[in-house]
Amino acid sequence: MAVPKKRISKQRKRKRRTHYKAETRALRTCEQCGDPKLPHRVCSSCGYYRNEAVVEVEID
């Protein structure tokens, strides 16, 4: 079984792990209302998806 000869420092370990980041979410503007929404999802503010009313949204 392989055993490391020297201890890996915290700095070296953290440098290696810098690539594991959370990516920013891709947002698109809604074609109906112009609000930002996730792609391939129903707009939460107007309820439209691909220019069709899919969900009725209650306005407060």
N, C-alpha and C. Protein backbone atom coordinates (compact mmCIF):
# COMPACT_ATOMS: atom_id res chain seq x y z
N MET A 1 0.84 -1.18 0.00
CA MET A 1 0.00 0.00 0.00
C MET A 1 0.89 1.24 0.00
N ALA A 2 0.54 2.20 -0.85
CA ALA A 2 1.35 3.41 -0.98
C ALA A 2 1.13 4.34 0.20
N VAL A 3 2.22 4.88 0.71
CA VAL A 3 2.16 5.83 1.82
C VAL A 3 2.93 7.08 1.40
N PRO A 4 2.34 8.27 1.58
CA PRO A 4 3.06 9.48 1.19
C PRO A 4 4.29 9.69 2.05
N LYS A 5 5.39 10.14 1.42
CA LYS A 5 6.64 10.34 2.16
C LYS A 5 6.59 11.62 2.99
N LYS A 6 5.95 12.66 2.46
CA LYS A 6 5.88 13.93 3.18
C LYS A 6 4.43 14.40 3.25
N ARG A 7 4.18 15.16 4.29
CA ARG A 7 2.85 15.70 4.48
C ARG A 7 2.61 16.82 3.45
N ILE A 8 1.41 16.85 2.86
CA ILE A 8 1.04 17.90 1.92
C ILE A 8 0.52 19.08 2.73
N SER A 9 1.12 20.25 2.49
CA SER A 9 0.75 21.43 3.27
C SER A 9 -0.68 21.87 2.93
N LYS A 10 -1.26 22.67 3.83
CA LYS A 10 -2.62 23.18 3.62
C LYS A 10 -2.66 24.06 2.37
N GLN A 11 -1.62 24.85 2.18
CA GLN A 11 -1.58 25.74 1.03
C GLN A 11 -1.58 24.95 -0.27
N ARG A 12 -0.77 23.92 -0.34
CA ARG A 12 -0.68 23.11 -1.57
C ARG A 12 -2.00 22.38 -1.83
N LYS A 13 -2.61 21.88 -0.78
CA LYS A 13 -3.88 21.17 -0.92
C LYS A 13 -4.97 22.13 -1.40
N ARG A 14 -4.99 23.34 -0.84
CA ARG A 14 -6.01 24.32 -1.20
C ARG A 14 -5.81 24.86 -2.62
N LYS A 15 -4.56 24.97 -3.06
CA LYS A 15 -4.29 25.40 -4.43
C LYS A 15 -4.86 24.38 -5.43
N ARG A 16 -4.74 23.12 -5.10
CA ARG A 16 -5.23 22.07 -5.98
C ARG A 16 -6.76 22.10 -6.04
N ARG A 17 -7.39 22.46 -4.94
CA ARG A 17 -8.85 22.44 -4.88
C ARG A 17 -9.52 23.73 -5.33
N THR A 18 -8.75 24.70 -5.81
CA THR A 18 -9.36 25.97 -6.21
C THR A 18 -10.27 25.82 -7.42
N HIS A 19 -10.13 24.77 -8.18
CA HIS A 19 -10.93 24.60 -9.38
C HIS A 19 -12.33 24.09 -9.09
N TYR A 20 -12.57 23.62 -7.87
CA TYR A 20 -13.90 23.12 -7.50
C TYR A 20 -14.71 24.29 -6.97
N LYS A 21 -15.35 25.02 -7.89
CA LYS A 21 -16.12 26.19 -7.51
C LYS A 21 -17.56 26.01 -7.97
N ALA A 22 -18.44 26.73 -7.31
CA ALA A 22 -19.82 26.76 -7.76
C ALA A 22 -19.90 27.71 -8.95
N GLU A 23 -20.51 27.26 -10.01
CA GLU A 23 -20.63 28.09 -11.20
C GLU A 23 -21.83 29.02 -11.07
N THR A 24 -21.76 30.15 -11.73
CA THR A 24 -22.88 31.07 -11.71
C THR A 24 -24.01 30.49 -12.55
N ARG A 25 -25.22 30.75 -12.11
CA ARG A 25 -26.37 30.20 -12.82
C ARG A 25 -26.62 30.99 -14.09
N ALA A 26 -26.93 30.28 -15.16
CA ALA A 26 -27.19 30.92 -16.45
C ALA A 26 -28.62 31.46 -16.43
N LEU A 27 -28.77 32.76 -16.56
CA LEU A 27 -30.09 33.38 -16.56
C LEU A 27 -30.39 33.95 -17.94
N ARG A 28 -31.65 33.85 -18.33
CA ARG A 28 -32.13 34.42 -19.58
C ARG A 28 -33.25 35.40 -19.23
N THR A 29 -33.53 36.32 -20.13
CA THR A 29 -34.65 37.21 -19.90
C THR A 29 -35.92 36.57 -20.47
N CYS A 30 -37.00 36.75 -19.75
CA CYS A 30 -38.29 36.21 -20.19
C CYS A 30 -38.75 37.00 -21.41
N GLU A 31 -39.28 36.30 -22.40
CA GLU A 31 -39.72 36.97 -23.62
C GLU A 31 -40.99 37.78 -23.41
N GLN A 32 -41.79 37.41 -22.41
CA GLN A 32 -43.05 38.11 -22.14
C GLN A 32 -42.84 39.34 -21.26
N CYS A 33 -42.23 39.12 -20.08
CA CYS A 33 -42.15 40.21 -19.09
C CYS A 33 -40.77 40.83 -18.98
N GLY A 34 -39.72 40.17 -19.44
CA GLY A 34 -38.38 40.72 -19.38
C GLY A 34 -37.63 40.44 -18.10
N ASP A 35 -38.26 39.73 -17.16
CA ASP A 35 -37.59 39.39 -15.91
C ASP A 35 -36.59 38.25 -16.14
N PRO A 36 -35.52 38.17 -15.34
CA PRO A 36 -34.58 37.05 -15.49
C PRO A 36 -35.20 35.74 -15.03
N LYS A 37 -34.92 34.66 -15.77
CA LYS A 37 -35.43 33.33 -15.42
C LYS A 37 -34.41 32.28 -15.85
N LEU A 38 -34.52 31.10 -15.30
CA LEU A 38 -33.66 29.99 -15.69
C LEU A 38 -34.10 29.46 -17.04
N PRO A 39 -33.17 29.05 -17.91
CA PRO A 39 -33.57 28.52 -19.21
C PRO A 39 -34.32 27.19 -19.07
N HIS A 40 -35.25 26.96 -19.97
CA HIS A 40 -36.07 25.74 -20.02
C HIS A 40 -36.94 25.60 -18.78
N ARG A 41 -37.35 26.72 -18.20
CA ARG A 41 -38.22 26.71 -17.03
C ARG A 41 -39.35 27.72 -17.26
N VAL A 42 -40.46 27.52 -16.57
CA VAL A 42 -41.56 28.47 -16.62
C VAL A 42 -41.15 29.72 -15.86
N CYS A 43 -41.49 30.88 -16.38
CA CYS A 43 -41.17 32.14 -15.71
C CYS A 43 -41.99 32.24 -14.44
N SER A 44 -41.34 32.55 -13.33
CA SER A 44 -42.04 32.61 -12.05
C SER A 44 -42.85 33.89 -11.88
N SER A 45 -42.55 34.91 -12.67
CA SER A 45 -43.27 36.17 -12.50
C SER A 45 -44.51 36.28 -13.39
N CYS A 46 -44.46 35.69 -14.60
CA CYS A 46 -45.63 35.80 -15.48
C CYS A 46 -46.28 34.45 -15.80
N GLY A 47 -45.56 33.33 -15.60
CA GLY A 47 -46.14 32.01 -15.84
C GLY A 47 -46.09 31.55 -17.28
N TYR A 48 -45.28 32.18 -18.12
CA TYR A 48 -45.19 31.81 -19.53
C TYR A 48 -43.97 30.93 -19.79
N TYR A 49 -44.11 30.04 -20.77
CA TYR A 49 -43.00 29.23 -21.26
C TYR A 49 -43.17 29.09 -22.76
N ARG A 50 -42.19 29.52 -23.52
CA ARG A 50 -42.22 29.51 -24.98
C ARG A 50 -43.47 30.21 -25.53
N ASN A 51 -43.73 31.39 -25.04
CA ASN A 51 -44.85 32.23 -25.47
C ASN A 51 -46.21 31.60 -25.26
N GLU A 52 -46.33 30.67 -24.33
CA GLU A 52 -47.62 30.07 -23.98
C GLU A 52 -47.81 30.20 -22.49
N ALA A 53 -49.04 30.55 -22.09
CA ALA A 53 -49.37 30.63 -20.66
C ALA A 53 -49.49 29.21 -20.13
N VAL A 54 -48.63 28.85 -19.21
CA VAL A 54 -48.61 27.49 -18.67
C VAL A 54 -49.17 27.48 -17.24
N VAL A 55 -48.83 28.49 -16.47
CA VAL A 55 -49.23 28.55 -15.07
C VAL A 55 -49.89 29.90 -14.82
N GLU A 56 -50.99 29.89 -14.05
CA GLU A 56 -51.61 31.15 -13.66
C GLU A 56 -50.87 31.67 -12.43
N VAL A 57 -50.42 32.92 -12.51
CA VAL A 57 -49.67 33.53 -11.41
C VAL A 57 -50.57 34.55 -10.74
N GLU A 58 -50.70 34.45 -9.42
CA GLU A 58 -51.50 35.41 -8.67
C GLU A 58 -50.66 36.66 -8.41
N ILE A 59 -51.25 37.82 -8.67
CA ILE A 59 -50.56 39.09 -8.44
C ILE A 59 -50.98 39.59 -7.07
N ASP A 60 -50.00 39.85 -6.21
CA ASP A 60 -50.31 40.33 -4.85
C ASP A 60 -50.59 41.80 -4.83
